[in-house]
Amino acid sequence: MQPFFFSFLFGAELPQAQQGASITSSLLMMGLFFLAFWFLMIAPQRKRQKAQKEMIAALKVGDEIITSSGFLASIVQVKEDRLVIKTGDAKLEIYKQFVQSVHHHK
């Protein structure tokens, strides 16, 4: 008698009693893989997105930020979906989604 793995791999027919067990075990394995994928990939990504949204919602005039392109700037004006920032002597208008983090002085 062939082991389950090889018969599943090569498509060999199993006796009727083993076919029901193989379907159940296959569904169980797929469910376990989905749960592992969820906890290792999707849940942490959602947590990061939530933290990013909270950080962007809390931005205010005077905060120093680091943009995704690496600029260190101060917020001059907060608009609905954009920020006016000052870096050096220049003022720039950027979308809020490009704020990487808030820079905290130490």
N, C-alpha and C. Protein backbone atom coordinates (compact mmCIF):
# COMPACT_ATOMS: atom_id res chain seq x y z
N MET A 1 0.85 -1.17 0.00
CA MET A 1 0.00 0.00 0.00
C MET A 1 0.90 1.24 0.00
N GLN A 2 0.55 2.24 -0.81
CA GLN A 2 1.36 3.45 -0.93
C GLN A 2 1.02 4.41 0.21
N PRO A 3 2.00 5.16 0.67
CA PRO A 3 1.69 6.19 1.66
C PRO A 3 0.77 7.25 1.05
N PHE A 4 0.02 7.91 1.91
CA PHE A 4 -0.97 8.90 1.47
C PHE A 4 -0.33 9.99 0.61
N PHE A 5 0.81 10.49 1.02
CA PHE A 5 1.45 11.59 0.31
C PHE A 5 1.74 11.24 -1.13
N PHE A 6 2.31 10.07 -1.36
CA PHE A 6 2.67 9.68 -2.72
C PHE A 6 1.43 9.44 -3.58
N SER A 7 0.42 8.83 -3.01
CA SER A 7 -0.79 8.58 -3.79
C SER A 7 -1.50 9.89 -4.11
N PHE A 8 -1.47 10.84 -3.19
CA PHE A 8 -2.06 12.15 -3.46
C PHE A 8 -1.25 12.89 -4.51
N LEU A 9 0.06 12.79 -4.40
CA LEU A 9 0.97 13.48 -5.32
C LEU A 9 0.84 12.96 -6.74
N PHE A 10 0.75 11.67 -6.91
CA PHE A 10 0.73 11.08 -8.24
C PHE A 10 -0.69 10.78 -8.73
N GLY A 11 -1.69 11.13 -7.97
CA GLY A 11 -3.07 10.98 -8.41
C GLY A 11 -3.56 9.54 -8.41
N ALA A 12 -2.93 8.68 -7.67
CA ALA A 12 -3.39 7.29 -7.61
C ALA A 12 -4.71 7.24 -6.85
N GLU A 13 -5.55 6.33 -7.25
CA GLU A 13 -6.83 6.20 -6.57
C GLU A 13 -6.65 5.52 -5.23
N LEU A 14 -7.39 6.01 -4.27
CA LEU A 14 -7.36 5.45 -2.94
C LEU A 14 -8.63 4.64 -2.73
N PRO A 15 -8.60 3.69 -1.83
CA PRO A 15 -9.83 3.00 -1.47
C PRO A 15 -10.85 4.01 -0.93
N GLN A 16 -12.12 3.66 -1.02
CA GLN A 16 -13.20 4.59 -0.67
C GLN A 16 -13.05 5.16 0.74
N ALA A 17 -12.66 4.37 1.71
CA ALA A 17 -12.53 4.84 3.09
C ALA A 17 -11.41 5.87 3.19
N GLN A 18 -10.34 5.67 2.46
CA GLN A 18 -9.22 6.61 2.52
C GLN A 18 -9.52 7.90 1.76
N GLN A 19 -10.38 7.86 0.75
CA GLN A 19 -10.69 9.06 -0.01
C GLN A 19 -11.39 10.10 0.86
N GLY A 20 -12.32 9.68 1.68
CA GLY A 20 -13.01 10.60 2.58
C GLY A 20 -12.04 11.21 3.58
N ALA A 21 -11.14 10.40 4.08
CA ALA A 21 -10.15 10.90 5.03
C ALA A 21 -9.20 11.87 4.33
N SER A 22 -8.86 11.60 3.08
CA SER A 22 -7.91 12.48 2.38
C SER A 22 -8.54 13.84 2.09
N ILE A 23 -9.83 13.87 1.78
CA ILE A 23 -10.50 15.15 1.54
C ILE A 23 -10.54 15.96 2.82
N THR A 24 -10.89 15.30 3.92
CA THR A 24 -10.94 15.98 5.20
C THR A 24 -9.57 16.51 5.59
N SER A 25 -8.55 15.69 5.45
CA SER A 25 -7.21 16.14 5.82
C SER A 25 -6.72 17.23 4.89
N SER A 26 -7.10 17.18 3.61
CA SER A 26 -6.71 18.24 2.68
C SER A 26 -7.36 19.56 3.06
N LEU A 27 -8.65 19.52 3.39
CA LEU A 27 -9.33 20.74 3.81
C LEU A 27 -8.75 21.28 5.11
N LEU A 28 -8.42 20.39 6.02
CA LEU A 28 -7.82 20.80 7.28
C LEU A 28 -6.46 21.47 7.04
N MET A 29 -5.66 20.89 6.16
CA MET A 29 -4.35 21.47 5.85
C MET A 29 -4.50 22.85 5.20
N MET A 30 -5.46 22.98 4.27
CA MET A 30 -5.67 24.28 3.63
C MET A 30 -6.12 25.32 4.65
N GLY A 31 -6.97 24.90 5.58
CA GLY A 31 -7.41 25.81 6.63
C GLY A 31 -6.26 26.24 7.52
N LEU A 32 -5.40 25.30 7.87
CA LEU A 32 -4.24 25.64 8.70
C LEU A 32 -3.29 26.58 7.97
N PHE A 33 -3.07 26.34 6.68
CA PHE A 33 -2.21 27.23 5.89
C PHE A 33 -2.82 28.63 5.82
N PHE A 34 -4.13 28.71 5.64
CA PHE A 34 -4.78 30.02 5.59
C PHE A 34 -4.63 30.75 6.92
N LEU A 35 -4.83 30.05 8.04
CA LEU A 35 -4.67 30.68 9.35
C LEU A 35 -3.24 31.16 9.57
N ALA A 36 -2.28 30.33 9.20
CA ALA A 36 -0.87 30.73 9.34
C ALA A 36 -0.59 31.95 8.47
N PHE A 37 -1.08 31.95 7.24
CA PHE A 37 -0.89 33.09 6.35
C PHE A 37 -1.51 34.34 6.95
N TRP A 38 -2.70 34.21 7.52
CA TRP A 38 -3.39 35.35 8.12
C TRP A 38 -2.57 35.94 9.26
N PHE A 39 -2.12 35.08 10.19
CA PHE A 39 -1.41 35.58 11.36
C PHE A 39 0.00 36.06 11.04
N LEU A 40 0.62 35.53 10.00
CA LEU A 40 1.98 35.94 9.67
C LEU A 40 2.04 37.10 8.67
N MET A 41 1.03 37.27 7.84
CA MET A 41 1.10 38.28 6.79
C MET A 41 0.02 39.36 6.90
N ILE A 42 -1.21 38.97 6.95
CA ILE A 42 -2.31 39.93 6.83
C ILE A 42 -2.52 40.73 8.12
N ALA A 43 -2.56 40.07 9.25
CA ALA A 43 -2.82 40.76 10.52
C ALA A 43 -1.74 41.81 10.83
N PRO A 44 -0.44 41.51 10.70
CA PRO A 44 0.57 42.55 10.96
C PRO A 44 0.47 43.73 9.98
N GLN A 45 0.14 43.45 8.72
CA GLN A 45 0.00 44.53 7.75
C GLN A 45 -1.17 45.44 8.12
N ARG A 46 -2.27 44.87 8.55
CA ARG A 46 -3.41 45.68 8.98
C ARG A 46 -3.05 46.55 10.18
N LYS A 47 -2.28 45.98 11.10
CA LYS A 47 -1.86 46.72 12.29
C LYS A 47 -0.99 47.92 11.89
N ARG A 48 -0.06 47.72 10.93
CA ARG A 48 0.79 48.81 10.46
C ARG A 48 -0.03 49.89 9.76
N GLN A 49 -1.01 49.48 8.95
CA GLN A 49 -1.85 50.44 8.25
C GLN A 49 -2.67 51.27 9.25
N LYS A 50 -3.18 50.62 10.28
CA LYS A 50 -3.96 51.33 11.29
C LYS A 50 -3.08 52.34 12.03
N ALA A 51 -1.87 51.94 12.39
CA ALA A 51 -0.95 52.85 13.08
C ALA A 51 -0.58 54.03 12.18
N GLN A 52 -0.38 53.79 10.88
CA GLN A 52 -0.05 54.86 9.93
C GLN A 52 -1.22 55.85 9.82
N LYS A 53 -2.45 55.34 9.74
CA LYS A 53 -3.63 56.22 9.66
C LYS A 53 -3.77 57.07 10.92
N GLU A 54 -3.54 56.46 12.08
CA GLU A 54 -3.63 57.20 13.34
C GLU A 54 -2.56 58.28 13.41
N MET A 55 -1.33 57.96 12.96
CA MET A 55 -0.25 58.93 12.97
C MET A 55 -0.57 60.10 12.05
N ILE A 56 -1.10 59.82 10.86
CA ILE A 56 -1.44 60.88 9.91
C ILE A 56 -2.59 61.74 10.45
N ALA A 57 -3.56 61.13 11.09
CA ALA A 57 -4.69 61.88 11.65
C ALA A 57 -4.25 62.81 12.78
N ALA A 58 -3.16 62.47 13.47
CA ALA A 58 -2.70 63.26 14.60
C ALA A 58 -1.71 64.35 14.22
N LEU A 59 -1.37 64.49 12.93
CA LEU A 59 -0.42 65.52 12.51
C LEU A 59 -0.98 66.90 12.75
N LYS A 60 -0.10 67.81 13.21
CA LYS A 60 -0.54 69.19 13.46
C LYS A 60 0.58 70.15 13.07
N VAL A 61 0.24 71.42 12.97
CA VAL A 61 1.21 72.45 12.61
C VAL A 61 2.33 72.46 13.64
N GLY A 62 3.56 72.50 13.16
CA GLY A 62 4.73 72.53 14.04
C GLY A 62 5.41 71.18 14.20
N ASP A 63 4.72 70.09 13.87
CA ASP A 63 5.34 68.77 13.95
C ASP A 63 6.47 68.67 12.93
N GLU A 64 7.53 68.00 13.32
CA GLU A 64 8.61 67.70 12.37
C GLU A 64 8.39 66.29 11.86
N ILE A 65 8.42 66.15 10.55
CA ILE A 65 8.14 64.86 9.93
C ILE A 65 9.29 64.43 9.05
N ILE A 66 9.31 63.15 8.75
CA ILE A 66 10.22 62.59 7.76
C ILE A 66 9.33 62.05 6.66
N THR A 67 9.56 62.52 5.43
CA THR A 67 8.76 62.07 4.30
C THR A 67 9.31 60.76 3.76
N SER A 68 8.53 60.11 2.91
CA SER A 68 8.97 58.84 2.34
C SER A 68 10.17 59.01 1.42
N SER A 69 10.42 60.24 0.95
CA SER A 69 11.61 60.49 0.13
C SER A 69 12.81 60.91 0.97
N GLY A 70 12.62 61.01 2.28
CA GLY A 70 13.74 61.26 3.19
C GLY A 70 13.90 62.69 3.64
N PHE A 71 12.99 63.58 3.27
CA PHE A 71 13.09 64.97 3.70
C PHE A 71 12.68 65.10 5.16
N LEU A 72 13.44 65.90 5.91
CA LEU A 72 13.07 66.27 7.27
C LEU A 72 12.46 67.66 7.17
N ALA A 73 11.22 67.82 7.59
CA ALA A 73 10.52 69.09 7.39
C ALA A 73 9.58 69.38 8.55
N SER A 74 9.19 70.65 8.64
CA SER A 74 8.21 71.08 9.63
C SER A 74 6.89 71.34 8.93
N ILE A 75 5.80 70.99 9.59
CA ILE A 75 4.47 71.23 9.02
C ILE A 75 4.10 72.69 9.25
N VAL A 76 3.73 73.38 8.16
CA VAL A 76 3.33 74.78 8.22
C VAL A 76 1.82 74.91 8.18
N GLN A 77 1.17 74.05 7.39
CA GLN A 77 -0.29 74.12 7.24
C GLN A 77 -0.82 72.71 6.99
N VAL A 78 -1.96 72.40 7.60
CA VAL A 78 -2.61 71.10 7.41
C VAL A 78 -3.88 71.32 6.61
N LYS A 79 -3.98 70.62 5.47
CA LYS A 79 -5.18 70.67 4.65
C LYS A 79 -5.88 69.32 4.74
N GLU A 80 -6.97 69.16 4.00
CA GLU A 80 -7.75 67.93 4.09
C GLU A 80 -6.94 66.68 3.76
N ASP A 81 -6.27 66.68 2.61
CA ASP A 81 -5.50 65.50 2.21
C ASP A 81 -4.04 65.81 1.94
N ARG A 82 -3.63 67.05 2.21
CA ARG A 82 -2.26 67.48 1.94
C ARG A 82 -1.69 68.26 3.11
N LEU A 83 -0.38 68.44 3.07
CA LEU A 83 0.33 69.23 4.07
C LEU A 83 1.20 70.24 3.34
N VAL A 84 1.34 71.43 3.91
CA VAL A 84 2.35 72.37 3.45
C VAL A 84 3.49 72.24 4.45
N ILE A 85 4.67 71.91 3.94
CA ILE A 85 5.81 71.69 4.82
C ILE A 85 6.92 72.68 4.47
N LYS A 86 7.78 72.92 5.44
CA LYS A 86 8.93 73.80 5.22
C LYS A 86 10.18 72.99 5.49
N THR A 87 11.05 72.97 4.50
CA THR A 87 12.33 72.30 4.64
C THR A 87 13.39 73.28 4.15
N GLY A 88 14.25 73.70 5.05
CA GLY A 88 15.21 74.75 4.69
C GLY A 88 14.44 76.04 4.47
N ASP A 89 14.68 76.71 3.35
CA ASP A 89 13.96 77.94 3.01
C ASP A 89 12.80 77.70 2.06
N ALA A 90 12.56 76.46 1.69
CA ALA A 90 11.52 76.14 0.70
C ALA A 90 10.27 75.60 1.39
N LYS A 91 9.13 75.95 0.80
CA LYS A 91 7.86 75.38 1.24
C LYS A 91 7.37 74.45 0.15
N LEU A 92 6.90 73.29 0.55
CA LEU A 92 6.41 72.28 -0.38
C LEU A 92 5.02 71.83 0.06
N GLU A 93 4.23 71.38 -0.89
CA GLU A 93 2.93 70.81 -0.57
C GLU A 93 2.98 69.33 -0.94
N ILE A 94 2.70 68.49 0.04
CA ILE A 94 2.76 67.04 -0.19
C ILE A 94 1.45 66.41 0.28
N TYR A 95 1.18 65.21 -0.23
CA TYR A 95 0.04 64.45 0.26
C TYR A 95 0.40 63.81 1.59
N LYS A 96 -0.58 63.72 2.46
CA LYS A 96 -0.36 63.16 3.80
C LYS A 96 0.17 61.73 3.75
N GLN A 97 -0.22 60.97 2.72
CA GLN A 97 0.19 59.57 2.64
C GLN A 97 1.69 59.40 2.48
N PHE A 98 2.42 60.48 2.13
CA PHE A 98 3.86 60.37 1.94
C PHE A 98 4.64 60.70 3.21
N VAL A 99 3.96 60.87 4.33
CA VAL A 99 4.64 61.06 5.61
C VAL A 99 5.04 59.69 6.12
N GLN A 100 6.33 59.51 6.33
CA GLN A 100 6.86 58.24 6.80
C GLN A 100 6.74 58.13 8.32
N SER A 101 7.16 59.20 9.01
CA SER A 101 7.10 59.18 10.47
C SER A 101 7.18 60.59 11.01
N VAL A 102 6.88 60.73 12.29
CA VAL A 102 7.02 62.00 12.99
C VAL A 102 8.37 61.95 13.68
N HIS A 103 9.16 63.00 13.48
CA HIS A 103 10.52 63.05 14.05
C HIS A 103 10.43 63.64 15.45
N HIS A 104 10.93 62.90 16.43
CA HIS A 104 10.92 63.35 17.82
C HIS A 104 12.32 63.78 18.22
N HIS A 105 12.43 64.98 18.78
CA HIS A 105 13.73 65.47 19.24
C HIS A 105 14.12 64.74 20.52
N LYS A 106 15.41 64.52 20.67
CA LYS A 106 15.89 63.87 21.89
C LYS A 106 16.82 64.79 22.64
